Every structure is written in C-alpha cells, then in structure tokens.
C-alpha cells in the first residue's frame, strides 16, 4: 500500500503531523475534513448543526469511502471510525496509523469542541467520547504510534519508523 491514513482523537495532530509526514515521504497530503467542507459548502460545525450528528456521520462516511489517492498521507476527522465502509476502504488503500494521545493531554489541547466539528451526543463529555472511540481506533489501525509527548517532527519520524517500507515515491 502506498498511502498512509492517520486516525485518532481531535487534537491528536492528524493534520499537523500529516503535512510533515507527507513532506518527509514525498507524498501528497489530503485532509478529509476539508474534502467534506468543500463537498457540502459548509464548515464542519455548520454541517453538524444543519444535519445533526447522524447526518454528518453519513456525509463523512461517503466522502471518506470515495477517496482515491496514490502516494498520499490522508488525515481524517476523529469520527471517521463510525463509518465502517469508510474504514474498510481506507484500510484497503492505505496503512492506517492510529495517533494515540492520552486523555489528559487531549483535554489541555482542545478548545471549543463544537467549533472544532467534534461529534458529541447530548450530555456526552470528552472523556466519554475518548472511552468510546479508543477501542474503534485500535480496531481499525494497522499500527499505533503514541504521539502525546512528541514534537511534530518526532511524531512524524515515529510514524515513518513503523510504516511498511515507504521511503518516498516508489
């Protein structure tokens, strides 16, 4: 597989690490949240407001299921793991890497969850969400990299070190 897909909680660094990783590998960079926004003509939080969490999840699953890429790093939204068809597709076209970050670090990094486009159910806390999602990230990931206390450059290097032999375009 010549693509890398990054999954993990909001605030894990998927987009930030993804850009650096793409540069290191000589790959393209795709941010699936931006694809969703472009497709719908709205910001993520506006899509959630207008269509609800279930509607957003359906849109997210559709967009991620349609990604075609060659030699690309794909940064997904944190809720991509709620779409089994999308995850099956991403696993078939890429090495899926779970960027693991501990809860305490995430809590410090994240601001207004609604404005970040985070899918929360009514009365659901960030901790509830974390406990719900971690098993799904672990289920779908080919590999897991703990990036919580790493710089962006060190996190990208750690991801490179666990990828199946990819050292630039092949």
N, C-alpha and C. Protein backbone atom coordinates (compact mmCIF):
# COMPACT_ATOMS: atom_id res chain seq x y z
N UNK A 1 0.85 -1.18 0.00
CA UNK A 1 0.00 0.00 0.00
C UNK A 1 0.89 1.24 0.00
N UNK A 2 0.56 2.19 -0.84
CA UNK A 2 1.41 3.36 -0.96
C UNK A 2 0.76 4.64 -0.42
N UNK A 3 -0.23 4.50 0.45
CA UNK A 3 -0.85 5.63 1.13
C UNK A 3 -0.78 5.40 2.63
N UNK A 4 -0.89 6.48 3.39
CA UNK A 4 -0.93 6.40 4.84
C UNK A 4 -2.15 7.19 5.29
N UNK A 5 -2.99 6.57 6.11
CA UNK A 5 -4.14 7.26 6.67
C UNK A 5 -3.94 7.42 8.17
N UNK A 6 -4.13 8.64 8.66
CA UNK A 6 -3.99 8.93 10.08
C UNK A 6 -5.36 9.03 10.73
N UNK A 7 -5.54 8.28 11.82
CA UNK A 7 -6.78 8.35 12.59
C UNK A 7 -6.42 8.67 14.03
N UNK A 8 -7.39 9.17 14.77
CA UNK A 8 -7.17 9.49 16.17
C UNK A 8 -8.12 10.57 16.63
N UNK A 9 -8.05 10.86 17.90
CA UNK A 9 -8.92 11.85 18.51
C UNK A 9 -8.65 13.24 17.95
N UNK A 10 -9.66 14.12 18.01
CA UNK A 10 -9.41 15.53 17.69
C UNK A 10 -8.29 16.02 18.61
N UNK A 11 -7.37 16.77 18.05
CA UNK A 11 -6.26 17.28 18.84
C UNK A 11 -5.06 16.36 18.89
N UNK A 12 -5.16 15.19 18.24
CA UNK A 12 -4.04 14.25 18.24
C UNK A 12 -2.92 14.71 17.30
N UNK A 13 -3.25 15.58 16.37
CA UNK A 13 -2.24 16.08 15.45
C UNK A 13 -2.29 15.46 14.07
N UNK A 14 -3.41 14.90 13.69
CA UNK A 14 -3.51 14.22 12.40
C UNK A 14 -3.15 15.14 11.23
N UNK A 15 -3.72 16.33 11.21
CA UNK A 15 -3.43 17.26 10.10
C UNK A 15 -2.02 17.81 10.20
N UNK A 16 -1.62 18.22 11.37
CA UNK A 16 -0.29 18.82 11.55
C UNK A 16 0.81 17.82 11.27
N UNK A 17 0.72 16.66 11.87
CA UNK A 17 1.72 15.60 11.65
C UNK A 17 1.63 15.12 10.21
N UNK A 18 0.41 15.06 9.68
CA UNK A 18 0.21 14.59 8.31
C UNK A 18 0.93 15.42 7.27
N UNK A 19 0.91 16.74 7.43
CA UNK A 19 1.60 17.62 6.49
C UNK A 19 3.11 17.35 6.53
N UNK A 20 3.67 17.25 7.73
CA UNK A 20 5.11 16.99 7.87
C UNK A 20 5.44 15.60 7.32
N UNK A 21 4.63 14.62 7.64
CA UNK A 21 4.85 13.26 7.15
C UNK A 21 4.83 13.21 5.62
N UNK A 22 3.89 13.92 5.02
CA UNK A 22 3.81 13.96 3.56
C UNK A 22 5.09 14.56 2.96
N UNK A 23 5.60 15.59 3.58
CA UNK A 23 6.85 16.21 3.09
C UNK A 23 8.02 15.24 3.21
N UNK A 24 8.10 14.55 4.34
CA UNK A 24 9.19 13.60 4.57
C UNK A 24 9.15 12.46 3.56
N UNK A 25 7.94 11.97 3.28
CA UNK A 25 7.78 10.84 2.36
C UNK A 25 7.76 11.26 0.89
N UNK A 26 7.57 12.54 0.63
CA UNK A 26 7.42 13.00 -0.74
C UNK A 26 6.04 12.66 -1.28
N UNK A 27 5.06 12.62 -0.39
CA UNK A 27 3.69 12.25 -0.75
C UNK A 27 2.81 13.50 -0.84
N UNK A 28 1.62 13.34 -1.42
CA UNK A 28 0.59 14.37 -1.38
C UNK A 28 -0.05 14.34 0.00
N UNK A 29 -0.75 15.41 0.34
CA UNK A 29 -1.47 15.47 1.61
C UNK A 29 -2.95 15.73 1.34
N UNK A 30 -3.80 14.92 1.96
CA UNK A 30 -5.25 15.06 1.82
C UNK A 30 -5.85 15.18 3.22
N UNK A 31 -6.63 16.23 3.45
CA UNK A 31 -7.34 16.40 4.72
C UNK A 31 -8.81 16.10 4.44
N UNK A 32 -9.31 14.99 4.95
CA UNK A 32 -10.68 14.60 4.62
C UNK A 32 -11.72 15.57 5.18
N UNK A 33 -11.41 16.26 6.28
CA UNK A 33 -12.34 17.28 6.79
C UNK A 33 -12.52 18.40 5.76
N UNK A 34 -11.44 18.77 5.08
CA UNK A 34 -11.55 19.80 4.06
C UNK A 34 -12.34 19.30 2.85
N UNK A 35 -12.19 18.01 2.52
CA UNK A 35 -13.00 17.44 1.44
C UNK A 35 -14.48 17.50 1.78
N UNK A 36 -14.81 17.21 3.04
CA UNK A 36 -16.21 17.26 3.50
C UNK A 36 -16.74 18.68 3.39
N UNK A 37 -15.97 19.64 3.88
CA UNK A 37 -16.40 21.04 3.83
C UNK A 37 -16.60 21.51 2.39
N UNK A 38 -15.69 21.12 1.52
CA UNK A 38 -15.81 21.51 0.11
C UNK A 38 -17.05 20.89 -0.52
N UNK A 39 -17.27 19.61 -0.24
CA UNK A 39 -18.42 18.90 -0.79
C UNK A 39 -19.74 19.53 -0.37
N UNK A 40 -19.81 19.95 0.89
CA UNK A 40 -21.06 20.47 1.44
C UNK A 40 -21.17 21.99 1.38
N UNK A 41 -20.05 22.67 1.12
CA UNK A 41 -20.07 24.13 1.10
C UNK A 41 -20.32 24.75 2.46
N UNK A 42 -19.93 24.02 3.52
CA UNK A 42 -20.14 24.49 4.89
C UNK A 42 -18.99 24.04 5.77
N UNK A 43 -18.79 24.74 6.87
CA UNK A 43 -17.83 24.30 7.87
C UNK A 43 -18.37 23.07 8.59
N UNK A 44 -17.48 22.29 9.20
CA UNK A 44 -17.92 21.06 9.86
C UNK A 44 -19.01 21.31 10.89
N UNK A 45 -18.82 22.32 11.74
CA UNK A 45 -19.82 22.57 12.78
C UNK A 45 -21.16 22.98 12.19
N UNK A 46 -21.13 23.65 11.01
CA UNK A 46 -22.39 24.02 10.35
C UNK A 46 -23.09 22.79 9.79
N UNK A 47 -22.32 21.84 9.29
CA UNK A 47 -22.91 20.59 8.80
C UNK A 47 -23.58 19.85 9.95
N UNK A 48 -22.90 19.79 11.10
CA UNK A 48 -23.49 19.13 12.27
C UNK A 48 -24.74 19.85 12.74
N UNK A 49 -24.69 21.17 12.73
CA UNK A 49 -25.85 21.96 13.15
C UNK A 49 -27.04 21.69 12.21
N UNK A 50 -26.77 21.65 10.90
CA UNK A 50 -27.83 21.52 9.92
C UNK A 50 -28.34 20.09 9.74
N UNK A 51 -27.46 19.10 9.91
CA UNK A 51 -27.84 17.71 9.63
C UNK A 51 -27.79 16.79 10.85
N UNK A 52 -27.32 17.32 11.96
CA UNK A 52 -27.18 16.50 13.16
C UNK A 52 -25.97 15.57 13.05
N UNK A 53 -25.67 14.91 14.16
CA UNK A 53 -24.51 14.02 14.19
C UNK A 53 -24.65 12.86 13.22
N UNK A 54 -25.85 12.27 13.15
CA UNK A 54 -26.04 11.14 12.24
C UNK A 54 -25.88 11.55 10.79
N UNK A 55 -26.43 12.71 10.44
CA UNK A 55 -26.29 13.21 9.08
C UNK A 55 -24.84 13.52 8.75
N UNK A 56 -24.13 14.11 9.70
CA UNK A 56 -22.71 14.39 9.50
C UNK A 56 -21.94 13.09 9.30
N UNK A 57 -22.23 12.09 10.14
CA UNK A 57 -21.52 10.81 10.03
C UNK A 57 -21.75 10.16 8.68
N UNK A 58 -22.96 10.27 8.13
CA UNK A 58 -23.25 9.70 6.81
C UNK A 58 -22.44 10.42 5.72
N UNK A 59 -22.39 11.74 5.81
CA UNK A 59 -21.62 12.52 4.85
C UNK A 59 -20.14 12.15 4.96
N UNK A 60 -19.64 12.10 6.19
CA UNK A 60 -18.23 11.77 6.42
C UNK A 60 -17.90 10.39 5.87
N UNK A 61 -18.78 9.43 6.11
CA UNK A 61 -18.53 8.08 5.61
C UNK A 61 -18.50 8.05 4.08
N UNK A 62 -19.43 8.76 3.47
CA UNK A 62 -19.49 8.79 2.00
C UNK A 62 -18.22 9.41 1.42
N UNK A 63 -17.82 10.55 1.94
CA UNK A 63 -16.64 11.25 1.40
C UNK A 63 -15.39 10.40 1.59
N UNK A 64 -15.20 9.83 2.78
CA UNK A 64 -14.01 9.01 3.03
C UNK A 64 -14.02 7.72 2.22
N UNK A 65 -15.19 7.21 1.90
CA UNK A 65 -15.29 5.99 1.08
C UNK A 65 -14.93 6.25 -0.37
N UNK A 66 -14.98 7.51 -0.78
CA UNK A 66 -14.72 7.88 -2.18
C UNK A 66 -13.30 8.38 -2.42
N UNK A 67 -12.48 8.45 -1.38
CA UNK A 67 -11.13 8.98 -1.57
C UNK A 67 -10.33 8.04 -2.46
N UNK A 68 -9.74 8.61 -3.48
CA UNK A 68 -8.79 7.87 -4.31
C UNK A 68 -7.47 8.61 -4.20
N UNK A 69 -6.41 7.87 -3.98
CA UNK A 69 -5.11 8.50 -3.77
C UNK A 69 -4.01 7.55 -4.19
N UNK A 70 -2.87 8.14 -4.49
CA UNK A 70 -1.67 7.38 -4.80
C UNK A 70 -0.50 8.15 -4.21
N UNK A 71 0.22 7.52 -3.30
CA UNK A 71 1.32 8.16 -2.59
C UNK A 71 0.82 9.41 -1.87
N UNK A 72 -0.11 9.21 -0.95
CA UNK A 72 -0.69 10.32 -0.19
C UNK A 72 -0.77 9.98 1.29
N UNK A 73 -0.69 11.03 2.09
CA UNK A 73 -1.00 10.94 3.51
C UNK A 73 -2.39 11.53 3.65
N UNK A 74 -3.29 10.76 4.25
CA UNK A 74 -4.69 11.16 4.41
C UNK A 74 -4.94 11.40 5.89
N UNK A 75 -5.29 12.63 6.25
CA UNK A 75 -5.66 12.95 7.62
C UNK A 75 -7.18 12.94 7.68
N UNK A 76 -7.73 12.13 8.57
CA UNK A 76 -9.18 12.01 8.69
C UNK A 76 -9.70 12.80 9.87
N UNK A 77 -11.01 12.97 9.91
CA UNK A 77 -11.66 13.52 11.09
C UNK A 77 -11.70 12.45 12.17
N UNK A 78 -11.78 12.87 13.41
CA UNK A 78 -11.75 11.93 14.53
C UNK A 78 -12.90 10.94 14.54
N UNK A 79 -14.02 11.30 13.89
CA UNK A 79 -15.19 10.42 13.91
C UNK A 79 -15.26 9.48 12.71
N UNK A 80 -14.23 9.43 11.89
CA UNK A 80 -14.23 8.56 10.71
C UNK A 80 -14.48 7.10 11.10
N UNK A 81 -14.09 6.73 12.30
CA UNK A 81 -14.20 5.33 12.74
C UNK A 81 -15.66 4.90 12.97
N UNK A 82 -16.60 5.84 12.90
CA UNK A 82 -18.02 5.48 13.00
C UNK A 82 -18.57 5.00 11.65
N UNK A 83 -17.78 5.09 10.60
CA UNK A 83 -18.21 4.67 9.27
C UNK A 83 -17.47 3.41 8.84
N UNK A 84 -18.04 2.24 9.06
CA UNK A 84 -17.32 1.01 8.71
C UNK A 84 -16.96 0.91 7.23
N UNK A 85 -17.81 1.40 6.35
CA UNK A 85 -17.49 1.33 4.91
C UNK A 85 -16.28 2.21 4.61
N UNK A 86 -16.24 3.38 5.22
CA UNK A 86 -15.11 4.28 5.02
C UNK A 86 -13.83 3.64 5.55
N UNK A 87 -13.90 3.05 6.73
CA UNK A 87 -12.70 2.44 7.31
C UNK A 87 -12.23 1.24 6.50
N UNK A 88 -13.17 0.45 6.01
CA UNK A 88 -12.78 -0.68 5.15
C UNK A 88 -12.07 -0.17 3.90
N UNK A 89 -12.61 0.90 3.32
CA UNK A 89 -12.00 1.48 2.12
C UNK A 89 -10.60 2.01 2.44
N UNK A 90 -10.48 2.80 3.51
CA UNK A 90 -9.18 3.38 3.86
C UNK A 90 -8.16 2.30 4.18
N UNK A 91 -8.60 1.23 4.85
CA UNK A 91 -7.68 0.12 5.14
C UNK A 91 -7.24 -0.58 3.86
N UNK A 92 -8.09 -0.57 2.84
CA UNK A 92 -7.75 -1.26 1.59
C UNK A 92 -6.79 -0.44 0.72
N UNK A 93 -6.77 0.89 0.91
CA UNK A 93 -5.91 1.72 0.06
C UNK A 93 -4.71 2.30 0.80
N UNK A 94 -4.59 1.99 2.09
CA UNK A 94 -3.52 2.63 2.86
C UNK A 94 -3.15 1.83 4.10
N UNK A 95 -2.03 2.24 4.69
CA UNK A 95 -1.68 1.78 6.03
C UNK A 95 -2.34 2.75 6.99
N UNK A 96 -3.20 2.25 7.85
CA UNK A 96 -3.93 3.10 8.79
C UNK A 96 -3.14 3.18 10.09
N UNK A 97 -2.80 4.41 10.48
CA UNK A 97 -1.99 4.66 11.67
C UNK A 97 -2.83 5.41 12.69
N UNK A 98 -2.97 4.83 13.88
CA UNK A 98 -3.67 5.48 14.99
C UNK A 98 -2.68 6.33 15.75
N UNK A 99 -2.88 7.65 15.74
CA UNK A 99 -2.06 8.57 16.51
C UNK A 99 -2.65 8.65 17.92
N UNK A 100 -2.03 7.95 18.81
CA UNK A 100 -2.56 7.82 20.18
C UNK A 100 -2.04 8.95 21.06
N UNK A 101 -2.97 9.57 21.77
CA UNK A 101 -2.65 10.64 22.72
C UNK A 101 -3.48 10.39 23.97
N UNK A 102 -2.85 10.49 25.13
CA UNK A 102 -3.57 10.28 26.38
C UNK A 102 -4.63 11.34 26.61
N UNK A 103 -5.61 10.99 27.41
CA UNK A 103 -6.74 11.87 27.66
C UNK A 103 -6.33 13.21 28.27
N UNK A 104 -5.45 13.18 29.25
CA UNK A 104 -5.05 14.43 29.93
C UNK A 104 -4.44 15.42 28.95
N UNK A 105 -3.65 14.93 28.01
CA UNK A 105 -3.02 15.81 27.02
C UNK A 105 -4.08 16.38 26.07
N UNK A 106 -5.01 15.53 25.63
CA UNK A 106 -6.07 15.99 24.74
C UNK A 106 -6.91 17.07 25.40
N UNK A 107 -7.24 16.86 26.65
CA UNK A 107 -8.07 17.80 27.38
C UNK A 107 -7.42 19.19 27.39
N UNK A 108 -6.10 19.22 27.53
CA UNK A 108 -5.37 20.50 27.53
C UNK A 108 -5.32 21.13 26.14
N UNK A 109 -5.24 20.30 25.10
CA UNK A 109 -5.09 20.81 23.73
C UNK A 109 -6.38 21.36 23.13
N UNK A 110 -7.50 20.79 23.50
CA UNK A 110 -8.76 21.10 22.81
C UNK A 110 -9.45 22.32 23.41
N UNK A 111 -10.01 23.15 22.53
CA UNK A 111 -10.78 24.30 22.96
C UNK A 111 -12.26 24.01 22.83
N UNK A 112 -12.97 24.83 22.11
CA UNK A 112 -14.40 24.69 21.90
C UNK A 112 -14.66 23.50 20.97
N UNK A 113 -15.17 22.43 21.54
CA UNK A 113 -15.37 21.20 20.75
C UNK A 113 -16.37 21.39 19.62
N UNK A 114 -17.41 22.16 19.86
CA UNK A 114 -18.42 22.36 18.82
C UNK A 114 -17.82 23.08 17.61
N UNK A 115 -17.00 24.07 17.85
CA UNK A 115 -16.39 24.82 16.74
C UNK A 115 -15.33 24.00 16.02
N UNK A 116 -14.80 22.98 16.67
CA UNK A 116 -13.83 22.10 16.01
C UNK A 116 -14.52 21.06 15.14
N UNK A 117 -15.85 20.96 15.24
CA UNK A 117 -16.57 19.95 14.47
C UNK A 117 -16.47 18.58 15.10
N UNK A 118 -16.48 18.53 16.43
CA UNK A 118 -16.39 17.26 17.14
C UNK A 118 -17.80 16.71 17.35
N UNK A 119 -18.00 15.45 16.96
CA UNK A 119 -19.29 14.80 17.08
C UNK A 119 -19.51 14.35 18.52
N UNK A 120 -20.34 15.10 19.25
CA UNK A 120 -20.70 14.74 20.62
C UNK A 120 -22.20 14.57 20.71
N UNK A 121 -22.63 13.56 21.43
CA UNK A 121 -24.05 13.38 21.71
C UNK A 121 -24.44 14.32 22.85
N UNK A 122 -25.74 14.63 22.99
CA UNK A 122 -26.15 15.47 24.12
C UNK A 122 -25.68 14.84 25.44
N UNK A 123 -25.16 15.66 26.33
CA UNK A 123 -24.66 15.24 27.65
C UNK A 123 -23.42 14.36 27.59
N UNK A 124 -22.81 14.18 26.44
CA UNK A 124 -21.59 13.38 26.35
C UNK A 124 -20.38 14.28 26.63
N UNK A 125 -19.48 13.80 27.46
CA UNK A 125 -18.27 14.55 27.78
C UNK A 125 -17.13 14.11 26.86
N UNK A 126 -16.05 14.88 26.89
CA UNK A 126 -14.87 14.50 26.13
C UNK A 126 -14.34 13.15 26.61
N UNK A 127 -14.36 12.92 27.92
CA UNK A 127 -13.90 11.64 28.46
C UNK A 127 -14.77 10.49 27.96
N UNK A 128 -16.09 10.70 27.93
CA UNK A 128 -16.99 9.66 27.39
C UNK A 128 -16.62 9.35 25.94
N UNK A 129 -16.41 10.41 25.18
CA UNK A 129 -16.07 10.25 23.77
C UNK A 129 -14.75 9.49 23.61
N UNK A 130 -13.77 9.85 24.41
CA UNK A 130 -12.46 9.21 24.38
C UNK A 130 -12.60 7.71 24.65
N UNK A 131 -13.33 7.37 25.69
CA UNK A 131 -13.52 5.95 26.05
C UNK A 131 -14.29 5.19 24.97
N UNK A 132 -15.19 5.86 24.29
CA UNK A 132 -15.96 5.23 23.22
C UNK A 132 -15.12 5.00 21.97
N UNK A 133 -14.27 5.97 21.64
CA UNK A 133 -13.54 5.91 20.37
C UNK A 133 -12.26 5.09 20.41
N UNK A 134 -11.55 5.10 21.52
CA UNK A 134 -10.25 4.42 21.56
C UNK A 134 -10.33 2.97 21.07
N UNK A 135 -11.31 2.17 21.53
CA UNK A 135 -11.37 0.79 21.01
C UNK A 135 -11.59 0.71 19.50
N UNK A 136 -12.29 1.69 18.93
CA UNK A 136 -12.51 1.71 17.49
C UNK A 136 -11.23 2.09 16.74
N UNK A 137 -10.49 3.06 17.27
CA UNK A 137 -9.20 3.39 16.65
C UNK A 137 -8.29 2.16 16.66
N UNK A 138 -8.25 1.47 17.79
CA UNK A 138 -7.40 0.29 17.91
C UNK A 138 -7.86 -0.82 16.97
N UNK A 139 -9.15 -0.95 16.79
CA UNK A 139 -9.71 -1.98 15.91
C UNK A 139 -9.30 -1.76 14.45
N UNK A 140 -9.38 -0.52 13.99
CA UNK A 140 -9.15 -0.23 12.58
C UNK A 140 -7.69 0.03 12.21
N UNK A 141 -6.86 0.35 13.17
CA UNK A 141 -5.47 0.70 12.87
C UNK A 141 -4.64 -0.51 12.49
N UNK A 142 -3.80 -0.34 11.49
CA UNK A 142 -2.78 -1.34 11.21
C UNK A 142 -1.66 -1.23 12.23
N UNK A 143 -1.35 0.01 12.62
CA UNK A 143 -0.31 0.27 13.61
C UNK A 143 -0.74 1.45 14.49
N UNK A 144 -0.19 1.48 15.71
CA UNK A 144 -0.47 2.56 16.66
C UNK A 144 0.85 3.24 17.02
N UNK A 145 0.83 4.58 17.03
CA UNK A 145 2.00 5.34 17.42
C UNK A 145 1.57 6.32 18.51
N UNK A 146 2.21 6.25 19.67
CA UNK A 146 1.92 7.16 20.76
C UNK A 146 2.65 8.47 20.48
N UNK A 147 1.89 9.54 20.25
CA UNK A 147 2.49 10.83 19.89
C UNK A 147 2.25 11.91 20.93
N UNK A 148 1.70 11.55 22.05
CA UNK A 148 1.27 12.53 23.05
C UNK A 148 2.31 13.52 23.51
N UNK A 149 3.51 13.06 23.78
CA UNK A 149 4.55 13.95 24.31
C UNK A 149 5.63 14.26 23.29
N UNK A 150 5.35 14.01 22.01
CA UNK A 150 6.37 14.20 20.97
C UNK A 150 6.16 15.52 20.23
N UNK A 151 7.25 16.06 19.74
CA UNK A 151 7.14 17.20 18.83
C UNK A 151 6.55 16.69 17.52
N UNK A 152 6.12 17.61 16.68
CA UNK A 152 5.56 17.22 15.39
C UNK A 152 6.59 16.45 14.58
N UNK A 153 7.83 16.94 14.53
CA UNK A 153 8.88 16.26 13.76
C UNK A 153 9.16 14.87 14.31
N UNK A 154 9.23 14.73 15.64
CA UNK A 154 9.47 13.42 16.24
C UNK A 154 8.29 12.48 16.02
N UNK A 155 7.08 13.02 16.06
CA UNK A 155 5.89 12.19 15.81
C UNK A 155 5.91 11.68 14.37
N UNK A 156 6.23 12.55 13.42
CA UNK A 156 6.31 12.13 12.01
C UNK A 156 7.38 11.07 11.83
N UNK A 157 8.53 11.26 12.48
CA UNK A 157 9.61 10.27 12.39
C UNK A 157 9.17 8.94 12.99
N UNK A 158 8.42 8.98 14.08
CA UNK A 158 7.93 7.74 14.71
C UNK A 158 6.96 7.02 13.78
N UNK A 159 6.10 7.77 13.10
CA UNK A 159 5.18 7.15 12.14
C UNK A 159 5.98 6.52 11.01
N UNK A 160 6.96 7.24 10.48
CA UNK A 160 7.80 6.68 9.40
C UNK A 160 8.44 5.37 9.82
N UNK A 161 8.87 5.30 11.07
CA UNK A 161 9.60 4.12 11.53
C UNK A 161 8.74 2.86 11.60
N UNK A 162 7.41 3.02 11.65
CA UNK A 162 6.55 1.83 11.74
C UNK A 162 5.86 1.50 10.42
N UNK A 163 6.07 2.34 9.41
CA UNK A 163 5.42 2.08 8.12
C UNK A 163 6.13 0.97 7.37
N UNK A 164 5.35 0.18 6.64
CA UNK A 164 5.98 -0.79 5.77
C UNK A 164 6.85 -0.03 4.76
N UNK A 165 7.96 -0.48 4.48
CA UNK A 165 8.97 0.11 3.61
C UNK A 165 8.44 1.17 2.64
N UNK A 166 8.33 2.42 3.15
CA UNK A 166 7.99 3.55 2.29
C UNK A 166 9.02 4.64 2.55
N UNK A 167 9.82 4.91 1.58
CA UNK A 167 10.84 5.93 1.74
C UNK A 167 10.81 6.88 0.56
N UNK A 168 9.66 7.44 0.33
CA UNK A 168 9.47 8.31 -0.83
C UNK A 168 8.70 7.58 -1.90
N UNK A 169 8.46 8.23 -2.99
CA UNK A 169 7.67 7.63 -4.07
C UNK A 169 8.36 6.41 -4.64
N UNK A 170 7.60 5.37 -4.82
CA UNK A 170 8.17 4.10 -5.33
C UNK A 170 7.68 3.83 -6.73
